[in-house]
Amino acid sequence: MVEQLKEARDDLTQAEKTADDDVRETIRETADAYRDYVVGDHEPDHTIIDQHLNTLRQLQQDVSGDTKTRVDRALEATEEYRKTLEQA
């Protein structure tokens, strides 16, 4: 289950390297949050994941090239992770 978040984090870490300055910080913050979920002992709930999904969808519109490919993959992995969460 956390594997999807690890994949998303890895893609975001790579996206950060090719991102323009105006989106780099947002990508870094999202990757850092995912790192905390992967190495920490808490998992994000629907609300938090939905916030990340919204951030990634916005980023999709603001990036291009390899950065967009990585953000797309991170979005896909996050959507897959969300499907595994139990409804509150």
N, C-alpha and C. Protein backbone atom coordinates (compact mmCIF):
# COMPACT_ATOMS: atom_id res chain seq x y z
N MET A 1 0.83 -1.20 0.00
CA MET A 1 0.00 0.00 0.00
C MET A 1 0.87 1.26 0.00
N VAL A 2 1.84 1.32 0.89
CA VAL A 2 2.72 2.47 0.95
C VAL A 2 3.64 2.51 -0.27
N GLU A 3 3.76 1.39 -0.96
CA GLU A 3 4.61 1.32 -2.15
C GLU A 3 4.20 2.37 -3.19
N GLN A 4 2.90 2.61 -3.34
CA GLN A 4 2.45 3.63 -4.29
C GLN A 4 2.96 5.02 -3.90
N LEU A 5 2.96 5.30 -2.61
CA LEU A 5 3.44 6.60 -2.16
C LEU A 5 4.95 6.71 -2.33
N LYS A 6 5.66 5.61 -2.17
CA LYS A 6 7.10 5.61 -2.41
C LYS A 6 7.39 5.89 -3.88
N GLU A 7 6.64 5.25 -4.76
CA GLU A 7 6.80 5.48 -6.19
C GLU A 7 6.51 6.94 -6.54
N ALA A 8 5.44 7.47 -5.96
CA ALA A 8 5.08 8.86 -6.21
C ALA A 8 6.16 9.80 -5.70
N ARG A 9 6.67 9.51 -4.51
CA ARG A 9 7.75 10.33 -3.95
C ARG A 9 8.97 10.31 -4.85
N ASP A 10 9.35 9.12 -5.32
CA ASP A 10 10.51 9.01 -6.21
C ASP A 10 10.31 9.81 -7.49
N ASP A 11 9.11 9.74 -8.06
CA ASP A 11 8.84 10.51 -9.28
C ASP A 11 8.88 12.01 -9.00
N LEU A 12 8.35 12.42 -7.87
CA LEU A 12 8.37 13.85 -7.53
C LEU A 12 9.79 14.34 -7.27
N THR A 13 10.60 13.51 -6.66
CA THR A 13 11.99 13.88 -6.43
C THR A 13 12.71 14.10 -7.76
N GLN A 14 12.43 13.25 -8.73
CA GLN A 14 13.01 13.42 -10.06
C GLN A 14 12.41 14.64 -10.77
N ALA A 15 11.11 14.86 -10.60
CA ALA A 15 10.46 16.01 -11.24
C ALA A 15 11.03 17.31 -10.71
N GLU A 16 11.36 17.33 -9.44
CA GLU A 16 11.92 18.54 -8.83
C GLU A 16 13.22 18.96 -9.53
N LYS A 17 14.00 17.98 -9.97
CA LYS A 17 15.29 18.26 -10.60
C LYS A 17 15.14 18.95 -11.96
N THR A 18 14.02 18.73 -12.63
CA THR A 18 13.83 19.31 -13.96
C THR A 18 12.79 20.43 -13.98
N ALA A 19 12.20 20.71 -12.83
CA ALA A 19 11.12 21.70 -12.76
C ALA A 19 11.63 23.13 -12.84
N ASP A 20 10.77 23.98 -13.36
CA ASP A 20 11.05 25.42 -13.34
C ASP A 20 10.96 25.93 -11.91
N ASP A 21 11.60 27.05 -11.67
CA ASP A 21 11.65 27.62 -10.32
C ASP A 21 10.27 27.87 -9.72
N ASP A 22 9.30 28.26 -10.54
CA ASP A 22 7.99 28.64 -10.01
C ASP A 22 7.19 27.46 -9.45
N VAL A 23 7.55 26.22 -9.77
CA VAL A 23 6.83 25.06 -9.25
C VAL A 23 7.71 24.13 -8.41
N ARG A 24 8.98 24.40 -8.40
CA ARG A 24 9.92 23.50 -7.71
C ARG A 24 9.59 23.33 -6.23
N GLU A 25 9.27 24.41 -5.56
CA GLU A 25 8.98 24.34 -4.12
C GLU A 25 7.74 23.50 -3.84
N THR A 26 6.71 23.64 -4.65
CA THR A 26 5.49 22.85 -4.46
C THR A 26 5.79 21.36 -4.64
N ILE A 27 6.58 21.05 -5.64
CA ILE A 27 6.95 19.65 -5.88
C ILE A 27 7.76 19.12 -4.69
N ARG A 28 8.71 19.91 -4.21
CA ARG A 28 9.55 19.51 -3.08
C ARG A 28 8.70 19.28 -1.82
N GLU A 29 7.78 20.17 -1.54
CA GLU A 29 6.93 20.02 -0.35
C GLU A 29 6.08 18.76 -0.43
N THR A 30 5.56 18.46 -1.60
CA THR A 30 4.75 17.27 -1.77
C THR A 30 5.61 16.02 -1.62
N ALA A 31 6.78 16.02 -2.23
CA ALA A 31 7.70 14.88 -2.10
C ALA A 31 8.10 14.67 -0.64
N ASP A 32 8.34 15.75 0.08
CA ASP A 32 8.71 15.65 1.49
C ASP A 32 7.57 15.05 2.32
N ALA A 33 6.35 15.44 2.03
CA ALA A 33 5.20 14.88 2.74
C ALA A 33 5.11 13.38 2.48
N TYR A 34 5.30 12.98 1.23
CA TYR A 34 5.24 11.55 0.88
C TYR A 34 6.36 10.79 1.59
N ARG A 35 7.53 11.40 1.68
CA ARG A 35 8.64 10.75 2.38
C ARG A 35 8.25 10.48 3.83
N ASP A 36 7.60 11.45 4.45
CA ASP A 36 7.16 11.27 5.84
C ASP A 36 6.17 10.12 5.97
N TYR A 37 5.30 9.95 5.00
CA TYR A 37 4.34 8.84 5.05
C TYR A 37 5.05 7.51 4.86
N VAL A 38 6.04 7.49 4.00
CA VAL A 38 6.74 6.24 3.69
C VAL A 38 7.61 5.78 4.87
N VAL A 39 8.34 6.70 5.49
CA VAL A 39 9.25 6.31 6.57
C VAL A 39 8.62 6.44 7.95
N GLY A 40 7.52 7.16 8.05
CA GLY A 40 6.87 7.37 9.34
C GLY A 40 5.92 6.24 9.69
N ASP A 41 5.27 6.39 10.83
CA ASP A 41 4.35 5.35 11.28
C ASP A 41 2.89 5.77 11.13
N HIS A 42 2.63 6.82 10.37
CA HIS A 42 1.26 7.24 10.13
C HIS A 42 0.99 7.27 8.63
N GLU A 43 -0.26 7.02 8.29
CA GLU A 43 -0.65 7.05 6.90
C GLU A 43 -1.66 8.18 6.70
N PRO A 44 -1.60 8.82 5.55
CA PRO A 44 -2.54 9.92 5.30
C PRO A 44 -3.96 9.40 5.09
N ASP A 45 -4.94 10.21 5.47
CA ASP A 45 -6.33 9.83 5.25
C ASP A 45 -6.82 10.41 3.93
N HIS A 46 -8.11 10.17 3.64
CA HIS A 46 -8.70 10.64 2.38
C HIS A 46 -8.51 12.14 2.18
N THR A 47 -8.74 12.90 3.22
CA THR A 47 -8.67 14.35 3.11
C THR A 47 -7.28 14.81 2.69
N ILE A 48 -6.27 14.27 3.33
CA ILE A 48 -4.90 14.66 3.01
C ILE A 48 -4.52 14.20 1.61
N ILE A 49 -4.87 12.97 1.27
CA ILE A 49 -4.57 12.47 -0.08
C ILE A 49 -5.30 13.31 -1.12
N ASP A 50 -6.53 13.69 -0.86
CA ASP A 50 -7.27 14.53 -1.81
C ASP A 50 -6.58 15.88 -2.00
N GLN A 51 -6.02 16.43 -0.94
CA GLN A 51 -5.28 17.69 -1.06
C GLN A 51 -4.06 17.51 -1.95
N HIS A 52 -3.35 16.39 -1.75
CA HIS A 52 -2.19 16.11 -2.59
C HIS A 52 -2.61 15.89 -4.05
N LEU A 53 -3.72 15.20 -4.26
CA LEU A 53 -4.21 14.98 -5.62
C LEU A 53 -4.53 16.32 -6.29
N ASN A 54 -5.15 17.22 -5.56
CA ASN A 54 -5.44 18.54 -6.13
C ASN A 54 -4.16 19.29 -6.48
N THR A 55 -3.17 19.20 -5.61
CA THR A 55 -1.89 19.85 -5.88
C THR A 55 -1.24 19.26 -7.13
N LEU A 56 -1.26 17.94 -7.24
CA LEU A 56 -0.65 17.29 -8.41
C LEU A 56 -1.40 17.63 -9.69
N ARG A 57 -2.71 17.72 -9.61
CA ARG A 57 -3.49 18.08 -10.81
C ARG A 57 -3.18 19.51 -11.25
N GLN A 58 -3.00 20.39 -10.29
CA GLN A 58 -2.62 21.77 -10.63
C GLN A 58 -1.22 21.80 -11.25
N LEU A 59 -0.32 21.04 -10.65
CA LEU A 59 1.03 20.98 -11.19
C LEU A 59 1.04 20.45 -12.63
N GLN A 60 0.18 19.49 -12.92
CA GLN A 60 0.09 18.94 -14.27
C GLN A 60 -0.10 20.03 -15.30
N GLN A 61 -0.88 21.02 -14.95
CA GLN A 61 -1.18 22.10 -15.87
C GLN A 61 -0.03 23.12 -15.98
N ASP A 62 0.85 23.11 -14.98
CA ASP A 62 1.90 24.12 -14.90
C ASP A 62 3.27 23.63 -15.35
N VAL A 63 3.39 22.35 -15.71
CA VAL A 63 4.69 21.80 -16.07
C VAL A 63 4.64 21.18 -17.46
N SER A 64 5.81 20.86 -17.99
CA SER A 64 5.87 20.22 -19.30
C SER A 64 7.09 19.30 -19.36
N GLY A 65 7.21 18.58 -20.45
CA GLY A 65 8.36 17.73 -20.69
C GLY A 65 8.50 16.61 -19.66
N ASP A 66 9.76 16.35 -19.27
CA ASP A 66 10.05 15.27 -18.33
C ASP A 66 9.40 15.54 -16.97
N THR A 67 9.34 16.80 -16.58
CA THR A 67 8.70 17.14 -15.31
C THR A 67 7.24 16.71 -15.33
N LYS A 68 6.55 16.97 -16.42
CA LYS A 68 5.14 16.58 -16.54
C LYS A 68 4.99 15.06 -16.51
N THR A 69 5.88 14.36 -17.18
CA THR A 69 5.82 12.89 -17.17
C THR A 69 5.93 12.37 -15.75
N ARG A 70 6.85 12.93 -14.98
CA ARG A 70 7.05 12.50 -13.59
C ARG A 70 5.85 12.88 -12.71
N VAL A 71 5.31 14.06 -12.90
CA VAL A 71 4.14 14.48 -12.13
C VAL A 71 2.95 13.60 -12.49
N ASP A 72 2.78 13.28 -13.76
CA ASP A 72 1.71 12.39 -14.19
C ASP A 72 1.82 11.03 -13.50
N ARG A 73 3.03 10.51 -13.44
CA ARG A 73 3.23 9.21 -12.79
C ARG A 73 2.96 9.28 -11.30
N ALA A 74 3.36 10.37 -10.67
CA ALA A 74 3.10 10.55 -9.24
C ALA A 74 1.60 10.65 -8.98
N LEU A 75 0.89 11.34 -9.86
CA LEU A 75 -0.56 11.46 -9.74
C LEU A 75 -1.22 10.09 -9.86
N GLU A 76 -0.79 9.33 -10.83
CA GLU A 76 -1.34 8.00 -11.05
C GLU A 76 -1.11 7.10 -9.82
N ALA A 77 0.10 7.12 -9.28
CA ALA A 77 0.41 6.31 -8.10
C ALA A 77 -0.42 6.75 -6.89
N THR A 78 -0.60 8.05 -6.75
CA THR A 78 -1.39 8.58 -5.62
C THR A 78 -2.86 8.18 -5.77
N GLU A 79 -3.38 8.22 -6.99
CA GLU A 79 -4.76 7.78 -7.23
C GLU A 79 -4.92 6.30 -6.89
N GLU A 80 -3.93 5.49 -7.23
CA GLU A 80 -3.97 4.07 -6.90
C GLU A 80 -3.94 3.87 -5.39
N TYR A 81 -3.11 4.64 -4.70
CA TYR A 81 -3.05 4.56 -3.24
C TYR A 81 -4.40 4.92 -2.63
N ARG A 82 -5.03 5.97 -3.14
CA ARG A 82 -6.29 6.41 -2.58
C ARG A 82 -7.36 5.33 -2.66
N LYS A 83 -7.32 4.54 -3.70
CA LYS A 83 -8.30 3.44 -3.86
C LYS A 83 -8.18 2.41 -2.74
N THR A 84 -7.00 2.34 -2.11
CA THR A 84 -6.79 1.35 -1.05
C THR A 84 -7.28 1.82 0.31
N LEU A 85 -7.59 3.09 0.43
CA LEU A 85 -8.02 3.64 1.73
C LEU A 85 -9.48 3.27 1.99
N GLU A 86 -9.74 2.93 3.24
CA GLU A 86 -11.11 2.66 3.63
C GLU A 86 -11.87 3.97 3.76
N GLN A 87 -13.12 3.91 3.39
CA GLN A 87 -13.98 5.10 3.52
C GLN A 87 -14.26 5.37 4.98
N ALA A 88 -14.26 6.63 5.35
CA ALA A 88 -14.53 7.01 6.75
C ALA A 88 -16.01 6.95 7.03
